Amino acid sequence: MLTPVADPKSETAGAQVMVTDRAGNLHAVGFSEGRSLMETIRDSGIGDIAALCGGTCSCATCHVFIADGWTERVGPPVQDELDLLETSEFFSDESRLSCQVVLTAELDGLPVTIAPED
């Protein structure tokens, strides 16, 4: 059973995403609508997202897995994103680049797991 870890840099009010890092720790991370999932995770202090391209969908260093049952709400990847994801040995149907997921109120409670590093 994962226990949430408090993130001092996460927002305290409003919507949250539940992020499981590579060590298996669960983080409740507050977000502002309109920001990307990558920015939200990176700015929370979770160090597992490299985001080398800064969110331009050109590096795949922000690969995450969207929890089962949430993929329709998040939406499918666009072709450029899919092309990058398919190069990962950890690619799955739940794979997304977190820089391409724009957070909305409908995604409050979204569970994601940061993919292993390729």
Protein backbone atom coordinates (compact mmCIF):
# COMPACT_ATOMS: atom_id res chain seq x y z
CA MET A 1 0.00 0.00 0.00
CA LEU A 2 1.42 3.34 -1.03
CA THR A 3 1.34 6.17 1.47
CA PRO A 4 1.04 9.73 0.14
CA VAL A 5 4.10 11.88 0.69
CA ALA A 6 3.54 15.56 1.39
CA ASP A 7 5.10 17.80 -1.24
CA PRO A 8 6.08 21.16 0.26
CA LYS A 9 6.13 22.85 -3.17
CA SER A 10 2.73 21.55 -4.29
CA GLU A 11 -0.30 23.78 -4.23
CA THR A 12 -2.39 23.40 -1.10
CA ALA A 13 -5.87 24.13 -2.44
CA GLY A 14 -7.79 22.92 -5.43
CA ALA A 15 -7.29 19.98 -7.72
CA GLN A 16 -4.55 17.38 -7.35
CA VAL A 17 -2.83 14.68 -9.32
CA MET A 18 -1.52 11.58 -7.57
CA VAL A 19 2.02 10.91 -8.77
CA THR A 20 3.92 7.72 -8.06
CA ASP A 21 7.63 8.34 -8.47
CA ARG A 22 10.24 5.82 -9.57
CA ALA A 23 10.94 4.81 -5.97
CA GLY A 24 7.26 3.95 -5.45
CA ASN A 25 6.41 6.98 -3.30
CA LEU A 26 2.98 8.50 -3.84
CA HIS A 27 2.79 12.31 -4.01
CA ALA A 28 -0.41 14.37 -3.89
CA VAL A 29 0.47 17.34 -6.11
CA GLY A 30 -1.77 20.37 -6.45
CA PHE A 31 -2.20 21.90 -9.88
CA SER A 32 -3.54 24.94 -11.67
CA GLU A 33 -5.80 24.39 -14.65
CA GLY A 34 -4.15 24.97 -18.01
CA ARG A 35 -0.68 23.90 -16.93
CA SER A 36 0.89 20.74 -18.27
CA LEU A 37 1.26 17.64 -16.15
CA MET A 38 5.03 17.82 -16.78
CA GLU A 39 5.30 21.38 -15.41
CA THR A 40 3.21 20.42 -12.41
CA ILE A 41 5.33 17.37 -11.55
CA ARG A 42 8.64 19.14 -12.22
CA ASP A 43 7.69 22.20 -10.16
CA SER A 44 6.55 20.04 -7.23
CA GLY A 45 10.15 18.97 -6.62
CA ILE A 46 9.78 15.38 -7.79
CA GLY A 47 13.12 14.85 -9.53
CA ASP A 48 12.18 11.96 -11.81
CA ILE A 49 11.00 14.12 -14.73
CA ALA A 50 13.98 15.43 -16.73
CA ALA A 51 11.90 17.36 -19.29
CA LEU A 52 15.05 18.03 -21.33
CA CYS A 53 13.14 19.65 -24.21
CA GLY A 54 11.15 21.93 -21.90
CA GLY A 55 7.81 20.59 -23.04
CA THR A 56 8.10 20.75 -26.81
CA CYS A 57 7.32 17.05 -27.39
CA SER A 58 10.77 16.23 -28.70
CA CYS A 59 12.60 14.16 -26.07
CA ALA A 60 10.28 11.74 -24.18
CA THR A 61 12.05 12.36 -20.83
CA CYS A 62 8.67 13.11 -19.20
CA HIS A 63 7.12 9.71 -19.96
CA VAL A 64 4.36 8.70 -17.54
CA PHE A 65 1.72 6.00 -17.31
CA ILE A 66 -1.88 7.13 -16.94
CA ALA A 67 -3.86 4.92 -14.57
CA ASP A 68 -6.35 2.49 -16.00
CA GLY A 69 -9.76 4.10 -16.35
CA TRP A 70 -8.37 7.62 -16.87
CA THR A 71 -7.00 7.37 -20.41
CA GLU A 72 -10.26 8.48 -22.04
CA ARG A 73 -10.47 11.59 -19.83
CA VAL A 74 -6.85 12.47 -20.58
CA GLY A 75 -7.29 11.81 -24.28
CA PRO A 76 -5.12 10.03 -26.81
CA PRO A 77 -1.59 11.08 -27.78
CA VAL A 78 -1.08 13.00 -31.02
CA GLN A 79 1.05 11.31 -33.67
CA ASP A 80 4.30 13.18 -32.82
CA GLU A 81 3.93 12.15 -29.20
CA LEU A 82 3.11 8.57 -30.13
CA ASP A 83 6.19 8.40 -32.39
CA LEU A 84 8.42 9.34 -29.43
CA LEU A 85 6.67 7.05 -26.97
CA GLU A 86 6.98 4.04 -29.26
CA THR A 87 10.79 4.33 -29.05
CA SER A 88 10.68 3.59 -25.31
CA GLU A 89 11.22 0.04 -24.14
CA PHE A 90 8.57 0.82 -21.51
CA PHE A 91 5.88 1.95 -23.98
CA SER A 92 2.35 0.77 -23.16
CA ASP A 93 -1.24 1.71 -23.93
CA GLU A 94 -1.16 3.90 -20.80
CA SER A 95 1.94 5.85 -21.92
CA ARG A 96 1.81 9.61 -22.35
CA LEU A 97 4.32 12.42 -22.43
CA SER A 98 3.37 14.50 -19.43
CA CYS A 99 4.27 17.69 -21.33
CA GLN A 100 1.35 16.99 -23.66
CA VAL A 101 -1.29 16.51 -20.95
CA VAL A 102 -3.02 19.79 -20.13
CA LEU A 103 -4.59 19.68 -16.69
CA THR A 104 -8.26 20.56 -16.23
CA ALA A 105 -10.73 20.25 -13.36
CA GLU A 106 -11.92 16.99 -14.94
CA LEU A 107 -8.51 15.50 -14.16
CA ASP A 108 -8.71 16.15 -10.41
CA GLY A 109 -7.44 12.98 -8.72
CA LEU A 110 -5.62 11.71 -11.82
CA PRO A 111 -3.23 8.90 -10.84
CA VAL A 112 0.00 8.73 -12.86
CA THR A 113 3.21 6.76 -12.50
CA ILE A 114 6.51 8.09 -13.77
CA ALA A 115 7.94 5.63 -16.29
CA PRO A 116 11.34 4.04 -15.73
CA GLU A 117 14.21 5.88 -17.37
CA ASP A 118 15.18 4.54 -20.81
